[in-house]
Amino acid sequence: MSAEEFAQKSFDYVICGGGTAGLVLAARLSEDPAVTVAVLEAGINRMGDVLIDGPNLFLQLFDKDDYDWRFMTKGTEGRRHGWVRGKVLGGSSAVNFNMFSMASRQDLNNWEELGNKGWGFDGMLPY
């Protein structure tokens, strides 16, 4: 869809950022067929891009404007470091060596115990 077509439409929800959290939120909201959801992402969809799909190539993504926002940390004792943040659909999860880190069962169950129904380990496991 072009920017012009997008601007002419109305949505119930507009999610800013097509990273991991934004895409999960959009998918969950879209489970209701009565709801319209749009996702705005500054980067492009790079599905099939060898630099994204090949874990051994992830270091080549750093400092490339098409993939990385090129943020720098604040100086500590005169030192600054690059802070890679993905500028593609999938966000920083798309440029992180294809790693995944699951929250612990106890952490998720603690969330649910705080009153967040469905946010326990068993409720989150399908996602």
C-alpha atoms as a PDB file:
ATOM      1  CA  MET A   1       0.000   0.000   0.000  1.00  0.00           C
ATOM      2  CA  SER A   2       1.338   3.410  -0.903  1.00  0.00           C
ATOM      3  CA  ALA A   3       1.688   6.241   1.620  1.00  0.00           C
ATOM      4  CA  GLU A   4      -1.130   8.072  -0.171  1.00  0.00           C
ATOM      5  CA  GLU A   5      -3.472   5.064   0.105  1.00  0.00           C
ATOM      6  CA  PHE A   6      -2.544   4.595   3.753  1.00  0.00           C
ATOM      7  CA  ALA A   7      -3.307   8.250   4.541  1.00  0.00           C
ATOM      8  CA  GLN A   8      -6.825   7.872   3.096  1.00  0.00           C
ATOM      9  CA  LYS A   9      -7.712   4.953   5.367  1.00  0.00           C
ATOM     10  CA  SER A  10      -9.001   4.894   8.918  1.00  0.00           C
ATOM     11  CA  PHE A  11      -7.825   2.342  11.495  1.00  0.00           C
ATOM     12  CA  ASP A  12      -8.946   1.393  14.988  1.00  0.00           C
ATOM     13  CA  TYR A  13      -5.323   0.977  16.071  1.00  0.00           C
ATOM     14  CA  VAL A  14      -2.058   2.279  14.641  1.00  0.00           C
ATOM     15  CA  ILE A  15       1.055   0.568  15.982  1.00  0.00           C
ATOM     16  CA  CYS A  16       4.232   2.621  15.637  1.00  0.00           C
ATOM     17  CA  GLY A  17       7.155   0.275  15.122  1.00  0.00           C
ATOM     18  CA  GLY A  18       7.273  -3.103  13.419  1.00  0.00           C
ATOM     19  CA  GLY A  19       9.686  -4.676  15.866  1.00  0.00           C
ATOM     20  CA  THR A  20       9.007  -7.699  18.017  1.00  0.00           C
ATOM     21  CA  ALA A  21       6.635  -5.987  20.449  1.00  0.00           C
ATOM     22  CA  GLY A  22       4.786  -3.964  17.813  1.00  0.00           C
ATOM     23  CA  LEU A  23       4.194  -6.952  15.554  1.00  0.00           C
ATOM     24  CA  VAL A  24       3.007  -9.151  18.427  1.00  0.00           C
ATOM     25  CA  LEU A  25       0.622  -6.415  19.558  1.00  0.00           C
ATOM     26  CA  ALA A  26      -0.696  -5.964  16.013  1.00  0.00           C
ATOM     27  CA  ALA A  27      -1.184  -9.719  15.603  1.00  0.00           C
ATOM     28  CA  ARG A  28      -3.077 -10.003  18.880  1.00  0.00           C
ATOM     29  CA  LEU A  29      -5.320  -7.015  18.107  1.00  0.00           C
ATOM     30  CA  SER A  30      -5.977  -8.425  14.631  1.00  0.00           C
ATOM     31  CA  GLU A  31      -7.442 -11.595  16.138  1.00  0.00           C
ATOM     32  CA  ASP A  32     -10.670  -9.594  16.473  1.00  0.00           C
ATOM     33  CA  PRO A  33     -12.164  -9.493  12.948  1.00  0.00           C
ATOM     34  CA  ALA A  34     -14.087  -6.323  13.832  1.00  0.00           C
ATOM     35  CA  VAL A  35     -10.860  -4.384  14.399  1.00  0.00           C
ATOM     36  CA  THR A  36      -8.580  -2.744  11.832  1.00  0.00           C
ATOM     37  CA  VAL A  37      -4.895  -2.459  12.636  1.00  0.00           C
ATOM     38  CA  ALA A  38      -2.049  -0.670  10.865  1.00  0.00           C
ATOM     39  CA  VAL A  39       1.675  -0.987  11.560  1.00  0.00           C
ATOM     40  CA  LEU A  40       4.031   1.882  10.755  1.00  0.00           C
ATOM     41  CA  GLU A  41       7.685   0.885  10.334  1.00  0.00           C
ATOM     42  CA  ALA A  42      10.551   3.120   9.197  1.00  0.00           C
ATOM     43  CA  GLY A  43      12.517   0.211   7.761  1.00  0.00           C
ATOM     44  CA  ILE A  44      11.522  -2.137   4.979  1.00  0.00           C
ATOM     45  CA  ASN A  45      10.606  -5.814   4.924  1.00  0.00           C
ATOM     46  CA  ARG A  46      13.856  -7.695   4.385  1.00  0.00           C
ATOM     47  CA  MET A  47      12.470 -11.243   4.365  1.00  0.00           C
ATOM     48  CA  GLY A  48      14.829 -13.398   2.353  1.00  0.00           C
ATOM     49  CA  ASP A  49      17.739 -10.977   2.773  1.00  0.00           C
ATOM     50  CA  VAL A  50      20.872 -13.083   3.243  1.00  0.00           C
ATOM     51  CA  LEU A  51      22.326 -10.572   5.732  1.00  0.00           C
ATOM     52  CA  ILE A  52      19.264 -11.010   7.954  1.00  0.00           C
ATOM     53  CA  ASP A  53      18.776 -14.750   7.436  1.00  0.00           C
ATOM     54  CA  GLY A  54      22.429 -15.792   7.714  1.00  0.00           C
ATOM     55  CA  PRO A  55      23.511 -15.759  11.382  1.00  0.00           C
ATOM     56  CA  ASN A  56      27.151 -15.830  10.354  1.00  0.00           C
ATOM     57  CA  LEU A  57      26.716 -12.528   8.479  1.00  0.00           C
ATOM     58  CA  PHE A  58      25.113 -10.435  11.220  1.00  0.00           C
ATOM     59  CA  LEU A  59      28.275  -8.394  11.890  1.00  0.00           C
ATOM     60  CA  GLN A  60      27.976  -7.037   8.343  1.00  0.00           C
ATOM     61  CA  LEU A  61      24.692  -5.348   9.322  1.00  0.00           C
ATOM     62  CA  PHE A  62      26.339  -2.948  11.753  1.00  0.00           C
ATOM     63  CA  ASP A  63      26.796   0.626  10.631  1.00  0.00           C
ATOM     64  CA  LYS A  64      24.698   0.142   7.479  1.00  0.00           C
ATOM     65  CA  ASP A  65      22.035   2.838   7.158  1.00  0.00           C
ATOM     66  CA  ASP A  66      19.530   0.460   5.549  1.00  0.00           C
ATOM     67  CA  TYR A  67      19.622  -1.943   8.515  1.00  0.00           C
ATOM     68  CA  ASP A  68      20.781   0.024  11.561  1.00  0.00           C
ATOM     69  CA  TRP A  69      19.845   3.373  13.129  1.00  0.00           C
ATOM     70  CA  ARG A  70      23.551   3.835  13.983  1.00  0.00           C
ATOM     71  CA  PHE A  71      22.973   5.054  17.530  1.00  0.00           C
ATOM     72  CA  MET A  72      25.969   5.642  19.779  1.00  0.00           C
ATOM     73  CA  THR A  73      26.142   5.241  23.542  1.00  0.00           C
ATOM     74  CA  LYS A  74      26.909   8.247  25.702  1.00  0.00           C
ATOM     75  CA  GLY A  75      30.555   8.588  26.519  1.00  0.00           C
ATOM     76  CA  THR A  76      31.945   6.890  29.589  1.00  0.00           C
ATOM     77  CA  GLU A  77      35.469   7.988  30.356  1.00  0.00           C
ATOM     78  CA  GLY A  78      35.716   9.343  26.828  1.00  0.00           C
ATOM     79  CA  ARG A  79      34.576   6.113  25.165  1.00  0.00           C
ATOM     80  CA  ARG A  80      31.543   5.690  22.941  1.00  0.00           C
ATOM     81  CA  HIS A  81      30.241   2.517  21.378  1.00  0.00           C
ATOM     82  CA  GLY A  82      27.821   1.683  18.615  1.00  0.00           C
ATOM     83  CA  TRP A  83      24.414   0.559  19.850  1.00  0.00           C
ATOM     84  CA  VAL A  84      22.827  -1.502  17.085  1.00  0.00           C
ATOM     85  CA  ARG A  85      19.075  -0.966  16.690  1.00  0.00           C
ATOM     86  CA  GLY A  86      17.335  -2.625  13.767  1.00  0.00           C
ATOM     87  CA  LYS A  87      15.858  -0.376  11.091  1.00  0.00           C
ATOM     88  CA  VAL A  88      13.932  -3.147   9.343  1.00  0.00           C
ATOM     89  CA  LEU A  89      10.625  -4.931   9.750  1.00  0.00           C
ATOM     90  CA  GLY A  90      11.248  -7.038  12.834  1.00  0.00           C
ATOM     91  CA  GLY A  91      13.282  -4.320  14.512  1.00  0.00           C
ATOM     92  CA  SER A  92      16.377  -5.189  16.477  1.00  0.00           C
ATOM     93  CA  SER A  93      15.268  -8.826  16.654  1.00  0.00           C
ATOM     94  CA  ALA A  94      16.031  -9.028  12.942  1.00  0.00           C
ATOM     95  CA  VAL A  95      19.664  -8.023  13.451  1.00  0.00           C
ATOM     96  CA  ASN A  96      20.573  -9.898  16.642  1.00  0.00           C
ATOM     97  CA  PHE A  97      22.362 -13.016  15.379  1.00  0.00           C
ATOM     98  CA  ASN A  98      18.979 -14.827  15.186  1.00  0.00           C
ATOM     99  CA  MET A  99      19.039 -15.369  18.955  1.00  0.00           C
ATOM    100  CA  PHE A 100      15.972 -15.955  21.127  1.00  0.00           C
ATOM    101  CA  SER A 101      15.760 -15.686  24.895  1.00  0.00           C
ATOM    102  CA  MET A 102      12.612 -16.993  26.559  1.00  0.00           C
ATOM    103  CA  ALA A 103      11.473 -15.457  29.825  1.00  0.00           C
ATOM    104  CA  SER A 104      11.513 -17.867  32.763  1.00  0.00           C
ATOM    105  CA  ARG A 105       8.363 -19.673  33.850  1.00  0.00           C
ATOM    106  CA  GLN A 106       8.551 -17.883  37.220  1.00  0.00           C
ATOM    107  CA  ASP A 107       8.918 -14.398  35.683  1.00  0.00           C
ATOM    108  CA  LEU A 108       5.846 -14.859  33.500  1.00  0.00           C
ATOM    109  CA  ASN A 109       3.822 -16.412  36.316  1.00  0.00           C
ATOM    110  CA  ASN A 110       4.749 -13.426  38.504  1.00  0.00           C
ATOM    111  CA  TRP A 111       3.254 -11.107  35.877  1.00  0.00           C
ATOM    112  CA  GLU A 112       0.015 -13.064  35.946  1.00  0.00           C
ATOM    113  CA  GLU A 113      -0.060 -13.052  39.766  1.00  0.00           C
ATOM    114  CA  LEU A 114       0.110  -9.248  39.645  1.00  0.00           C
ATOM    115  CA  GLY A 115      -3.300  -9.284  37.942  1.00  0.00           C
ATOM    116  CA  ASN A 116      -2.338  -9.697  34.296  1.00  0.00           C
ATOM    117  CA  LYS A 117      -4.649 -12.561  33.355  1.00  0.00           C
ATOM    118  CA  GLY A 118      -3.273 -14.662  30.501  1.00  0.00           C
ATOM    119  CA  TRP A 119       0.289 -13.375  30.933  1.00  0.00           C
ATOM    120  CA  GLY A 120       1.528 -16.447  32.831  1.00  0.00           C
ATOM    121  CA  PHE A 121       3.888 -19.000  31.308  1.00  0.00           C
ATOM    122  CA  ASP A 122       1.141 -21.288  29.982  1.00  0.00           C
ATOM    123  CA  GLY A 123      -0.832 -18.361  28.558  1.00  0.00           C
ATOM    124  CA  MET A 124       2.198 -16.873  26.792  1.00  0.00           C
ATOM    125  CA  LEU A 125       3.744 -20.122  25.525  1.00  0.00           C
ATOM    126  CA  PRO A 126       1.756 -20.193  22.239  1.00  0.00           C
ATOM    127  CA  TYR A 127       3.218 -16.814  21.326  1.00  0.00           C
END
